[in-house]
Protein backbone atom coordinates (compact mmCIF):
# COMPACT_ATOMS: atom_id res chain seq x y z
CA MET A 1 113.72 93.31 79.92
CA LEU A 2 111.73 94.73 82.84
CA ASP A 3 114.64 96.93 83.87
CA SER A 4 114.98 98.25 80.31
CA LEU A 5 111.28 99.06 80.15
CA ALA A 6 111.41 100.77 83.52
CA LEU A 7 114.41 102.81 82.43
CA LEU A 8 112.65 103.95 79.25
CA LEU A 9 109.49 104.92 81.11
CA GLU A 10 111.54 106.59 83.82
CA LYS A 11 113.21 108.87 81.28
CA THR A 12 109.79 109.82 79.93
CA PHE A 13 108.50 110.70 83.38
CA LEU A 14 111.67 112.58 84.19
CA LEU A 15 110.95 114.81 81.21
CA ALA A 16 107.41 115.18 82.50
CA HIS A 17 108.72 116.41 85.84
CA PHE A 18 111.29 118.75 84.32
CA ASN A 19 110.37 122.30 83.38
CA PHE A 20 112.92 123.89 81.05
CA PHE A 21 111.69 127.41 81.81
CA ARG A 22 111.52 127.18 85.57
CA THR A 23 114.04 129.30 87.42
CA THR A 24 116.21 127.31 89.80
CA SER A 25 115.70 127.67 93.53
CA SER A 26 117.05 125.90 96.55
CA LYS A 27 115.20 123.03 98.19
CA GLN A 28 114.83 125.10 101.34
CA GLU A 29 113.16 127.94 99.41
CA ARG A 30 110.73 125.52 97.77
CA CYS A 31 109.85 123.95 101.10
CA THR A 32 109.27 127.34 102.68
CA LYS A 33 106.98 128.33 99.83
CA ARG A 34 104.99 125.10 100.17
CA ARG A 35 104.56 125.64 103.91
CA GLU A 36 103.24 129.14 103.22
CA GLU A 37 100.83 127.78 100.61
CA SER A 38 99.59 125.04 102.93
CA THR A 39 98.27 127.66 105.35
CA TYR A 40 95.60 128.45 102.74
CA PHE A 41 94.52 124.81 102.39
CA GLN A 42 91.60 123.51 104.40
CA ARG A 43 91.05 119.95 105.57
CA GLY A 44 89.20 118.09 102.80
CA ASP A 45 90.52 120.24 99.94
CA LEU A 46 91.37 118.52 96.66
CA LEU A 47 94.91 119.34 95.56
CA GLU A 48 96.22 118.99 92.01
CA VAL A 49 99.81 118.96 90.81
CA PRO A 50 100.02 119.51 87.05
CA ARG A 51 102.79 117.70 85.19
CA THR A 52 103.71 117.67 81.52
CA LEU A 53 102.11 114.27 80.77
CA PHE A 54 99.62 113.89 83.62
CA THR A 55 98.12 115.49 86.73
CA HIS A 56 98.57 114.06 90.21
CA PHE A 57 95.84 114.43 92.85
CA GLY A 58 95.56 114.29 96.62
CA ILE A 59 93.30 115.16 99.55
CA TYR A 60 94.56 117.66 102.13
CA LEU A 61 94.25 116.31 105.67
CA GLY A 62 95.52 119.33 107.57
CA ASP A 63 98.82 119.99 109.33
CA ASN A 64 100.66 120.12 105.97
CA LYS A 65 99.72 116.49 105.18
CA VAL A 66 98.26 115.10 101.95
CA ALA A 67 96.71 111.66 101.31
CA HIS A 68 97.30 110.44 97.76
CA LEU A 69 97.31 107.19 95.79
CA MET A 70 100.81 106.31 94.62
CA PRO A 71 102.01 103.21 92.71
CA ASP A 72 105.09 101.76 94.42
CA ILE A 73 106.97 98.53 93.73
CA LEU A 74 108.75 98.78 97.10
CA LEU A 75 105.53 97.71 98.83
CA VAL A 76 106.01 94.27 97.27
CA LEU A 77 109.72 94.00 98.03
CA THR A 78 109.93 95.06 101.68
CA SER A 79 107.93 95.71 104.82
CA ASN A 80 110.44 98.26 106.11
CA THR A 81 108.24 101.25 106.94
CA SER A 82 111.10 103.75 107.01
CA GLN A 83 112.17 102.81 103.47
CA ILE A 84 108.63 102.80 102.11
CA GLN A 85 107.81 106.19 103.62
CA LYS A 86 110.64 107.89 101.74
CA VAL A 87 109.62 109.94 98.69
CA VAL A 88 108.66 107.56 95.86
CA THR A 89 111.25 107.72 93.08
CA ASN A 90 110.32 107.54 89.41
CA LYS A 91 111.61 103.97 89.13
CA ARG A 92 109.58 102.85 92.16
CA LEU A 93 106.49 104.51 90.71
CA LEU A 94 106.86 103.06 87.22
CA LEU A 95 107.54 99.53 88.41
CA GLY A 96 104.54 99.88 90.71
CA VAL A 97 102.39 100.80 87.69
CA ILE A 98 103.67 97.75 85.80
CA TYR A 99 103.13 95.46 88.81
CA LYS A 100 99.75 97.13 89.50
CA TYR A 101 100.43 97.71 93.18
CA ALA A 102 100.03 100.94 95.08
CA SER A 103 99.17 102.50 98.40
CA ILE A 104 97.21 105.45 99.63
CA ARG A 105 99.88 107.19 101.66
CA VAL A 106 100.32 110.41 103.58
CA ASP A 107 103.11 112.83 102.65
CA THR A 108 103.90 116.45 103.28
CA VAL A 109 102.68 119.02 100.78
CA GLU A 110 106.31 119.48 99.67
CA ASP A 111 106.83 115.80 98.89
CA PHE A 112 103.40 115.52 97.26
CA ALA A 113 104.02 118.52 94.99
CA PHE A 114 107.46 117.24 93.90
CA GLY A 115 108.51 120.77 92.97
CA SER A 116 105.38 121.64 90.96
CA PRO A 117 102.69 124.26 91.68
CA VAL A 118 99.62 123.11 93.61
CA LEU A 119 96.12 123.87 92.31
CA LEU A 120 93.16 123.99 94.69
CA ASN A 121 89.69 122.46 94.14
CA THR A 122 89.58 123.10 90.39
CA MET A 123 87.60 119.89 89.82
CA ASP A 124 84.62 121.42 91.62
CA THR A 125 84.11 123.56 88.53
CA THR A 126 85.25 120.96 85.99
CA LEU A 127 82.90 118.23 87.21
CA ARG A 128 80.15 120.67 88.22
CA LYS A 129 79.50 118.63 91.33
CA GLN A 130 78.81 119.72 94.86
CA PRO A 131 81.55 118.36 97.12
CA LEU A 132 80.76 116.49 100.29
CA ALA A 133 81.35 118.12 103.66
CA ALA A 134 85.05 118.80 104.18
CA GLU A 135 85.35 116.54 107.22
CA GLU A 136 83.62 113.69 105.39
CA VAL A 137 86.05 114.09 102.48
CA ALA A 138 89.06 113.88 104.80
CA ARG A 139 87.65 110.93 106.74
CA ARG A 140 87.04 108.99 103.53
CA ALA A 141 90.64 109.55 102.53
CA GLU A 142 91.94 108.51 105.96
CA LYS A 143 89.88 105.30 105.97
CA LEU A 144 91.45 104.21 102.67
CA ILE A 145 95.07 104.71 103.74
CA GLY A 146 97.07 101.54 103.11
CA HIS A 147 97.90 99.08 100.34
CA ILE A 148 95.58 98.95 97.32
CA PRO A 149 95.54 97.37 93.82
CA TYR A 150 96.43 99.85 91.08
CA SER A 151 95.00 100.30 87.62
CA LEU A 152 96.03 103.10 85.30
CA LEU A 153 92.54 103.11 83.78
CA TRP A 154 90.25 102.01 86.62
CA ASN A 155 91.87 102.86 89.95
CA ASN A 156 94.33 105.74 89.86
CA CYS A 157 94.92 108.83 92.00
CA GLU A 158 92.09 110.72 90.32
CA HIS A 159 89.58 107.96 91.06
CA PHE A 160 90.66 108.12 94.70
CA VAL A 161 90.17 111.86 95.17
CA THR A 162 86.89 112.08 93.27
CA TYR A 163 85.46 109.26 95.37
CA CYS A 164 86.53 111.03 98.54
CA ARG A 165 85.31 114.50 97.56
CA TYR A 166 82.21 113.76 95.44
CA GLY A 167 81.18 110.22 96.37
CA THR A 168 81.77 108.83 92.88
CA ALA A 169 85.09 107.63 91.47
CA VAL A 170 85.81 109.11 88.02
CA SER A 171 88.94 109.98 86.06
CA LEU A 172 88.77 112.66 83.39
CA GLN A 173 92.35 111.88 82.36
CA THR A 174 91.40 108.24 81.72
CA ASP A 175 88.28 109.23 79.80
CA LYS A 176 90.27 111.61 77.63
CA PHE A 177 92.95 108.98 76.96
CA CYS A 178 90.36 106.33 76.01
CA GLU A 179 88.54 108.72 73.68
CA SER A 180 91.82 109.63 71.97
CA LEU A 181 92.71 105.96 71.62
CA LYS A 182 89.31 105.09 70.19
CA SER A 183 89.49 107.95 67.68
CA VAL A 184 92.81 106.57 66.42
CA ILE A 185 91.55 102.98 66.25
CA ARG A 186 88.32 103.97 64.50
CA ASP A 187 90.17 105.92 61.83
CA GLN A 188 89.99 104.07 58.49
CA ARG A 189 93.67 104.74 57.98
CA SER A 190 94.42 102.83 61.18
CA VAL A 191 92.48 99.83 59.90
CA LEU A 192 94.45 99.94 56.64
CA LEU A 193 97.73 100.28 58.51
CA THR A 194 97.02 97.33 60.81
CA THR A 195 96.03 95.23 57.78
CA VAL A 196 99.34 96.00 56.08
CA ILE A 197 101.26 95.27 59.30
CA GLY A 198 99.44 91.95 59.68
CA MET A 199 100.23 90.89 56.12
CA LEU A 200 103.89 91.89 56.45
CA SER A 201 104.10 89.99 59.74
CA MET A 202 102.84 86.82 58.05
CA PHE A 203 105.17 87.05 55.06
CA PHE A 204 108.39 88.27 56.67
CA LEU A 205 108.19 87.23 60.34
CA GLY A 206 106.34 83.95 59.97
CA ILE A 207 103.55 84.93 62.34
CA ALA A 208 100.52 82.64 62.15
CA PRO A 209 97.60 84.06 60.12
CA SER A 210 95.25 83.60 63.11
CA THR A 211 97.49 85.84 65.22
CA ALA A 212 98.03 88.45 62.54
CA LEU A 213 94.30 88.51 61.81
CA LEU A 214 93.63 89.96 65.25
CA THR A 215 95.58 93.11 64.33
CA PHE A 216 92.92 93.74 61.71
CA ILE A 217 89.73 92.41 63.32
CA ILE A 218 89.94 94.28 66.65
CA PRO A 219 90.34 97.84 65.26
CA PHE A 220 87.88 97.04 62.46
CA ILE A 221 85.16 96.01 64.92
CA LEU A 222 85.79 99.08 67.08
CA TRP A 223 85.72 101.30 64.00
CA MET A 224 82.39 99.79 62.84
CA ALA A 225 80.96 100.12 66.36
CA GLY A 226 81.82 103.82 66.35
């Protein structure tokens, strides 16, 4: 069951990493381009890698190295440093999300970018916050390197970089997701739909009324609270 779920999520993230309109180029060309870009980065810069479904974040440490928070199931399965340090595959990442285990690791800019363009310090404008001194930002990131619990909503890569750069851990992606979820739950049509699903579950699937009732009560309370 877990393998099937991982496979399904992996296909979704593969689509997120795939750009149908990107011209093909060799790995060597991409690496050369990244090395040229990294000469413009300064220690303590906040780097963003936009993807189709999400944005990944990291802190530039200098010397073409980036510290970033990455879910990884391999951390639970082995202590072999050489295996763990290899680029995290989609399956490793997704199983790490499910298991809620991650690490703050250091990779090259090329491995961090994973073939996507790198944006520089755009959150300074988005959050309208004054960043800490560049050396302080980098030192915060370096102190946190190692294993860490992972939460998609409360402790993800965006929380890590905003704590390092601004002193406060926030995630705009999480906030946006939660607001979208609440708007769906609070919609009267959602309450009606969950009521119908609950009734059908009782009649056709034999689910206990107390269990089915939760499908109505939870969104109804959230809707009333909104």
